[in-house]
Structures are given as structure tokens and as C-alpha cells.
Protein backbone atom coordinates (compact mmCIF):
# COMPACT_ATOMS: atom_id res chain seq x y z
CA MET A 1 -0.12 -0.04 -0.22
CA ASP A 2 1.22 3.30 -0.74
CA PRO A 3 -0.34 5.75 2.28
CA THR A 4 1.08 8.99 0.60
CA PRO A 5 -1.37 11.58 1.01
CA ALA A 6 -2.83 13.38 -1.95
CA PRO A 7 -4.85 16.44 -2.61
CA LEU A 8 -7.94 16.27 -4.35
CA GLY A 9 -10.69 19.24 -4.75
CA ASP A 10 -10.52 20.85 -1.36
CA VAL A 11 -7.95 18.67 0.25
CA SER A 12 -4.83 20.21 0.14
CA ILE A 13 -1.50 19.02 1.39
CA GLY A 14 -0.62 22.79 1.35
CA THR A 15 -3.08 24.10 3.47
CA ALA A 16 -2.24 21.37 6.05
CA ILE A 17 1.29 22.30 6.00
CA GLU A 18 0.22 25.98 6.30
CA ASN A 19 -1.81 25.14 9.42
CA PHE A 20 1.07 23.53 10.75
CA THR A 21 3.78 26.15 10.50
CA GLY A 22 1.41 29.23 10.67
CA ALA A 23 2.97 30.66 7.57
CA LYS A 24 2.74 30.65 4.03
CA PHE A 25 3.78 27.43 1.90
CA GLY A 26 7.21 27.86 1.13
CA SER A 27 8.41 30.14 4.41
CA SER A 28 10.46 28.50 6.62
CA GLY A 29 9.46 25.78 8.35
CA THR A 30 7.67 24.50 5.32
CA LEU A 31 10.84 21.90 5.05
CA THR A 32 10.23 20.57 8.66
CA ALA A 33 6.70 19.83 7.87
CA ALA A 34 7.79 18.15 4.63
CA ARG A 35 10.03 16.08 6.94
CA ILE A 36 7.49 15.26 9.46
CA ILE A 37 4.76 14.28 7.25
CA THR A 38 6.89 11.64 5.50
CA ALA A 39 7.97 10.41 8.71
CA ALA A 40 4.61 9.82 9.62
CA VAL A 41 3.80 8.39 6.54
CA LYS A 42 6.72 5.85 6.63
CA ALA A 43 5.46 4.88 9.96
CA VAL A 44 2.39 3.42 8.85
CA PRO A 45 2.45 -0.09 10.25
CA VAL A 46 1.85 -1.86 6.77
CA LYS A 47 3.80 -3.14 3.83
CA GLN A 48 4.84 0.09 1.81
CA THR A 49 5.18 0.61 -1.83
CA GLY A 50 5.41 3.75 -3.90
CA TYR A 51 6.63 6.65 -2.85
CA ALA A 52 5.47 6.51 0.52
CA GLY A 53 6.03 9.97 1.64
CA LEU A 54 4.93 13.76 0.97
CA MET A 55 3.76 14.68 -2.61
CA VAL A 56 3.86 18.36 -3.24
CA PRO A 57 1.88 18.76 -6.90
CA VAL A 58 1.85 22.06 -7.69
CA MET A 59 -1.36 21.92 -10.15
CA GLU A 60 -3.00 19.24 -8.43
CA ASP A 61 -3.33 21.04 -4.88
CA LYS A 62 -5.56 24.16 -5.08
CA LEU A 63 -3.17 25.96 -2.54
CA LEU A 64 -0.04 25.37 -3.78
CA ALA A 65 -1.44 26.64 -7.66
CA GLN A 66 -2.24 29.63 -5.62
CA ARG A 67 0.89 29.78 -3.56
CA TRP A 68 3.16 29.22 -6.92
CA ALA A 69 1.17 32.06 -8.48
CA GLU A 70 2.02 34.39 -5.86
CA SER A 71 5.88 33.15 -6.04
CA THR A 72 6.21 31.78 -2.23
CA PHE A 73 8.13 28.88 -3.40
CA ASN A 74 9.94 27.99 -6.86
CA VAL A 75 11.61 24.76 -8.60
CA ASP A 76 14.55 24.98 -6.27
CA SER A 77 12.63 25.16 -2.97
CA LEU A 78 10.44 21.94 -4.45
CA LEU A 79 13.83 20.19 -4.86
CA ALA A 80 14.94 21.09 -1.57
CA TYR A 81 11.90 19.39 0.03
CA SER A 82 12.58 16.42 -1.92
CA ALA A 83 15.32 15.74 0.20
CA VAL A 84 12.99 14.46 2.78
CA CYS A 85 9.74 13.93 1.41
CA GLY A 86 8.32 11.42 -1.17
CA THR A 87 8.52 13.25 -4.71
CA GLY A 88 10.68 15.41 -6.61
CA LEU A 89 9.14 17.86 -8.85
CA ASP A 90 5.14 17.52 -9.80
CA THR A 91 2.77 18.91 -11.91
CA VAL A 92 5.52 22.02 -12.25
CA PRO A 93 4.11 24.24 -15.23
CA LEU A 94 6.87 25.62 -17.65
CA PRO A 95 7.01 28.16 -20.51
CA GLY A 96 6.26 26.50 -23.94
CA ASP A 97 9.43 27.69 -24.92
CA VAL A 98 11.53 25.90 -22.35
CA THR A 99 15.01 24.80 -24.06
CA LEU A 100 16.01 21.22 -24.15
CA GLU A 101 19.00 22.52 -22.11
CA GLN A 102 16.89 23.99 -19.13
CA MET A 103 15.05 20.56 -18.86
CA GLU A 104 18.28 18.74 -18.68
CA ARG A 105 19.47 20.86 -15.96
CA ILE A 106 16.15 20.41 -13.88
CA PHE A 107 16.50 16.57 -14.58
CA SER A 108 20.16 16.66 -13.71
CA ASP A 109 19.27 18.39 -10.42
CA VAL A 110 16.52 16.00 -9.75
CA ALA A 111 18.82 12.81 -10.58
CA SER A 112 21.80 14.35 -8.52
CA LEU A 113 19.15 14.53 -5.35
CA ALA A 114 18.00 11.02 -6.12
CA THR A 115 21.52 9.91 -6.10
CA LYS A 116 22.69 11.79 -3.16
CA TRP A 117 19.99 10.39 -1.05
CA ASN A 118 19.54 6.76 -2.97
CA LYS A 119 15.50 7.53 -3.38
CA PRO A 120 13.63 7.38 -6.44
CA LEU A 121 12.27 11.01 -7.32
CA SER A 122 10.27 12.11 -10.43
CA ALA A 123 10.13 15.04 -12.42
CA ARG A 124 6.63 15.62 -14.00
CA LEU A 125 7.10 18.93 -15.72
CA GLN A 126 4.48 20.68 -17.63
CA PRO A 127 5.40 22.72 -20.62
CA VAL A 128 2.61 24.48 -21.72
CA PRO A 129 2.51 25.30 -25.83
CA GLY A 130 1.85 29.00 -26.36
CA LYS A 131 2.57 30.09 -22.98
CA LYS A 132 5.63 32.06 -21.61
CA ALA A 133 6.59 33.16 -18.39
CA GLY A 134 4.13 35.44 -16.53
CA ASP A 135 1.44 33.86 -18.53
CA ARG A 136 -1.68 31.76 -16.58
CA THR A 137 -2.17 28.27 -17.74
CA ASP A 138 -5.60 27.69 -18.81
CA TYR A 139 -6.36 23.51 -18.61
CA GLN A 140 -9.63 22.30 -18.60
CA ASP A 141 -9.18 19.67 -16.45
CA PRO A 142 -11.23 19.18 -13.09
CA TYR A 143 -7.98 17.61 -11.28
CA LEU A 144 -5.64 20.37 -12.26
CA PHE A 145 -5.69 24.10 -10.87
CA ASN A 146 -4.34 26.87 -13.14
CA THR A 147 -1.44 29.09 -12.03
CA THR A 148 1.26 31.31 -13.09
CA ILE A 149 4.01 29.97 -15.56
CA HIS A 150 7.42 31.13 -14.05
CA ALA A 151 10.61 31.69 -16.05
CA VAL A 152 13.00 28.90 -16.03
CA PRO A 153 16.34 30.19 -14.74
């Protein structure tokens, strides 16, 4: 069983973290909250499979999509949280003109972290055709929350 908590609709891992820290997601304390949630998930007394930790899917969590638009966190902070949680980069919107070299650098960072901590990490990146940094996504999907696209450094 994979006991990983997953957001859906009004159920938000971002809200849970903000309630714990008393601050916006991405503020100091977010990393600690991510570690505590992951430890709790791993302590569930069942045979576990999958990531079995915290997921931070930017566009699948209503509050995370809002905080992403507000720039309270970014790709690098998500990677930092990945050091103590279950996944890597999840449903991160990117400009449609993101270059292969930029994508390679992001994937290299994810791979470096996965290698360092000897754990599986993924990168579910979402280049949005025709959109650039500062634009808003316009998905018509009940499981994705639209947000602002950030520039890729």
C-alpha cells in the first residue's frame, strides 16, 4: 500500500502544512513540515510500496497552485523539500518555449538529489505550448488548478 497523502479538490496538503507552520507554504518551516509528514507516512504499519512520503503537486493542489502564482516557492525549493519527502517535481508548469538545455538542467538536479539520498524521485514537468513566463495556464481539467507560469532560470 502507498499511504502517501494526495490532494483532491478542497483537500490540500498545502493547507495542512500552512496550518502546521502558521505561515505560507514556502516559508521557513515548510521543510520541517515536509519531513514530519513523510516520517508519519513511513510509520504507517503496513507493507508500503510507491513513494510513501509527501507529494507536493503544484497544479493538483488548489492552495499550492495559488502559492506558486504568488511565488512563495519555486523549482529549487521544491527540490529542497524532495530531500525529505516522497517525490521530486510534480505538475510544475513551464513556459512552452523551455529549451532542451533548461529541461536537462532540471532533470540533472533531480537526478543528483536522487543519487545523493539513494531514493526514487520523479519530475512531472508541464511545458505549456504557446505560454510564456507570466502567463496563466488554462487547463480545462477538474484535477488541475491553473496557475502562473514562471521563467526557467
